[in-house]
Amino acid sequence: MLFSRSRGFTIAEVFAALLVMAVGVIGIAALYSDQVQTNPEANLHREAAMLAEQIAKRIRETKEGHAGFATTIGVLCDHPSKPKLPQDVAAREAACWEDEVERKLPSGLGTITRDAQTSPPTYVIAVSWSAPDAGTASYVIRVTSPESATRGAG
């Protein structure tokens, strides 16, 4: 006489399959959480790049008084005041930009320096920040002002 064997899974096989699936789901969740944690750092870098490009655009668009962008010591972002000299207008704009960097980035610092050793003179824009548990980072670009290019052409 032949014995008929039942078809189906044993309880041990079901638990083994569930265990394999659980390990897979936990692994995917761990990868996703790592990606979410690095996202704030990427957002800070993106914000720093946007702020640097914003002031770089202003330097490129400004017709005269470029030296003011690099002379913000003692200059306050005072919107009601109306500076008359182009250099003073640029200095106030740079001071307001520095304040914006401080507001938008943790421990944010924005600086603009003029490199007169290059021909034509360029401006070095540096945005630095310090995110919690991530250390210090910075974003730096160089901008050539149109003022120096037109001076050499004339």
Protein backbone atom coordinates (compact mmCIF):
# COMPACT_ATOMS: atom_id res chain seq x y z
CA MET A 1 0.00 0.00 0.00
CA LEU A 2 1.23 3.43 -0.87
CA PHE A 3 1.22 6.25 1.60
CA SER A 4 0.10 9.57 0.33
CA ARG A 5 2.25 12.46 1.30
CA SER A 6 0.67 15.82 2.18
CA ARG A 7 1.72 18.74 0.11
CA GLY A 8 2.47 22.13 1.62
CA PHE A 9 4.98 23.87 3.83
CA THR A 10 5.95 22.94 7.30
CA ILE A 11 5.88 25.51 10.03
CA ALA A 12 9.70 25.54 10.08
CA GLU A 13 9.82 26.40 6.37
CA VAL A 14 7.34 29.24 6.84
CA PHE A 15 9.39 30.70 9.70
CA ALA A 16 12.59 30.41 7.67
CA ALA A 17 10.97 32.27 4.74
CA LEU A 18 9.66 34.98 7.06
CA LEU A 19 13.11 35.36 8.63
CA VAL A 20 14.75 35.79 5.21
CA MET A 21 12.15 38.38 4.20
CA ALA A 22 12.53 40.26 7.50
CA VAL A 23 16.31 40.46 7.10
CA GLY A 24 15.82 41.84 3.57
CA VAL A 25 13.29 44.47 4.71
CA ILE A 26 15.51 45.54 7.61
CA GLY A 27 18.49 45.85 5.25
CA ILE A 28 16.52 48.05 2.85
CA ALA A 29 15.25 50.18 5.72
CA ALA A 30 18.82 50.63 7.02
CA LEU A 31 20.02 51.76 3.59
CA TYR A 32 17.13 54.19 3.33
CA SER A 33 17.80 55.66 6.80
CA ASP A 34 21.48 56.21 5.90
CA GLN A 35 20.39 58.11 2.81
CA VAL A 36 17.98 60.25 4.82
CA GLN A 37 20.70 61.12 7.34
CA THR A 38 23.16 62.33 4.67
CA ASN A 39 20.47 64.44 3.00
CA PRO A 40 20.70 67.36 5.48
CA GLU A 41 24.43 67.64 4.77
CA ALA A 42 23.74 67.75 1.05
CA ASN A 43 21.09 70.41 1.65
CA LEU A 44 23.61 72.55 3.53
CA HIS A 45 26.12 72.22 0.70
CA ARG A 46 23.43 73.13 -1.82
CA GLU A 47 22.45 76.18 0.25
CA ALA A 48 26.09 77.30 0.53
CA ALA A 49 26.58 76.96 -3.23
CA MET A 50 23.42 78.97 -3.89
CA LEU A 51 24.53 81.75 -1.53
CA ALA A 52 28.00 81.90 -3.11
CA GLU A 53 26.56 81.99 -6.62
CA GLN A 54 24.11 84.70 -5.57
CA ILE A 55 26.86 87.14 -4.54
CA ALA A 56 29.04 86.07 -7.49
CA LYS A 57 26.22 87.08 -9.82
CA ARG A 58 25.96 90.47 -8.10
CA ILE A 59 29.71 91.02 -8.47
CA ARG A 60 29.49 90.19 -12.19
CA GLU A 61 26.47 92.44 -12.72
CA THR A 62 27.83 95.45 -10.83
CA LYS A 63 29.20 98.11 -13.17
CA GLU A 64 31.49 99.96 -10.74
CA GLY A 65 32.65 99.93 -7.13
CA HIS A 66 33.67 96.27 -7.05
CA ALA A 67 36.31 96.85 -4.40
CA GLY A 68 33.47 97.49 -1.94
CA PHE A 69 32.49 93.82 -2.00
CA ALA A 70 35.75 92.96 -0.24
CA THR A 71 35.67 95.84 2.28
CA THR A 72 32.89 95.02 4.72
CA ILE A 73 34.75 95.59 7.98
CA GLY A 74 32.60 97.91 10.06
CA VAL A 75 29.79 97.94 7.46
CA LEU A 76 26.29 97.09 8.66
CA CYS A 77 23.39 95.79 6.62
CA ASP A 78 21.31 98.91 7.08
CA HIS A 79 18.59 98.95 4.41
CA PRO A 80 17.12 102.41 5.17
CA SER A 81 20.45 104.14 4.57
CA LYS A 82 21.25 105.14 0.99
CA PRO A 83 25.01 105.09 0.32
CA LYS A 84 26.04 107.41 -2.50
CA LEU A 85 29.34 105.94 -3.67
CA PRO A 86 29.22 102.71 -5.72
CA GLN A 87 31.88 101.20 -3.49
CA ASP A 88 29.74 101.86 -0.41
CA VAL A 89 26.69 100.32 -2.11
CA ALA A 90 28.72 97.17 -2.87
CA ALA A 91 30.06 97.02 0.71
CA ARG A 92 26.55 97.25 2.17
CA GLU A 93 25.31 94.56 -0.22
CA ALA A 94 28.19 92.28 0.79
CA ALA A 95 27.47 92.93 4.49
CA CYS A 96 23.81 91.96 3.96
CA TRP A 97 24.96 88.81 2.13
CA GLU A 98 27.26 87.91 5.04
CA ASP A 99 24.31 88.30 7.44
CA GLU A 100 22.20 86.02 5.23
CA VAL A 101 24.91 83.34 5.27
CA GLU A 102 24.95 83.50 9.08
CA ARG A 103 21.15 83.12 9.20
CA LYS A 104 20.82 80.27 6.71
CA LEU A 105 23.72 78.00 7.67
CA PRO A 106 24.68 76.59 11.08
CA SER A 107 27.71 78.56 12.28
CA GLY A 108 27.72 80.11 8.82
CA LEU A 109 30.44 82.49 7.69
CA GLY A 110 30.66 84.21 4.32
CA THR A 111 33.75 86.09 3.16
CA ILE A 112 34.75 87.92 0.00
CA THR A 113 38.40 88.74 -0.59
CA ARG A 114 40.01 90.53 -3.51
CA ASP A 115 43.00 88.82 -5.11
CA ALA A 116 44.96 91.68 -6.66
CA GLN A 117 47.83 89.36 -7.59
CA THR A 118 45.82 87.98 -10.51
CA SER A 119 45.35 89.83 -13.75
CA PRO A 120 42.58 90.91 -13.93
CA PRO A 121 41.88 91.02 -10.17
CA THR A 122 39.49 88.33 -8.99
CA TYR A 123 37.25 87.93 -5.97
CA VAL A 124 37.36 84.79 -3.86
CA ILE A 125 34.00 83.94 -2.31
CA ALA A 126 34.08 81.46 0.58
CA VAL A 127 31.08 80.11 2.46
CA SER A 128 31.83 77.97 5.52
CA TRP A 129 29.55 76.22 7.96
CA SER A 130 29.70 73.66 10.76
CA ALA A 131 26.88 71.15 10.92
CA PRO A 132 26.27 69.20 14.14
CA ASP A 133 28.05 65.81 14.07
CA ALA A 134 29.38 66.51 10.55
CA GLY A 135 32.37 68.79 11.05
CA THR A 136 33.24 71.95 9.18
CA ALA A 137 32.75 72.34 5.44
CA SER A 138 33.18 75.14 2.93
CA TYR A 139 32.35 76.12 -0.62
CA VAL A 140 34.74 78.43 -2.51
CA ILE A 141 34.49 80.06 -5.94
CA ARG A 142 36.52 82.71 -7.81
CA VAL A 143 34.90 85.53 -9.77
CA THR A 144 36.48 87.95 -12.21
CA SER A 145 34.81 91.34 -12.12
CA PRO A 146 33.77 92.97 -15.42
CA GLU A 147 35.16 96.28 -14.11
CA SER A 148 38.74 95.04 -14.43
CA ALA A 149 38.11 93.54 -17.87
CA THR A 150 36.68 96.78 -19.27
CA ARG A 151 39.50 98.83 -17.75
CA GLY A 152 42.06 96.79 -19.67
CA ALA A 153 40.13 97.08 -22.94
CA GLY A 154 40.08 100.88 -22.99
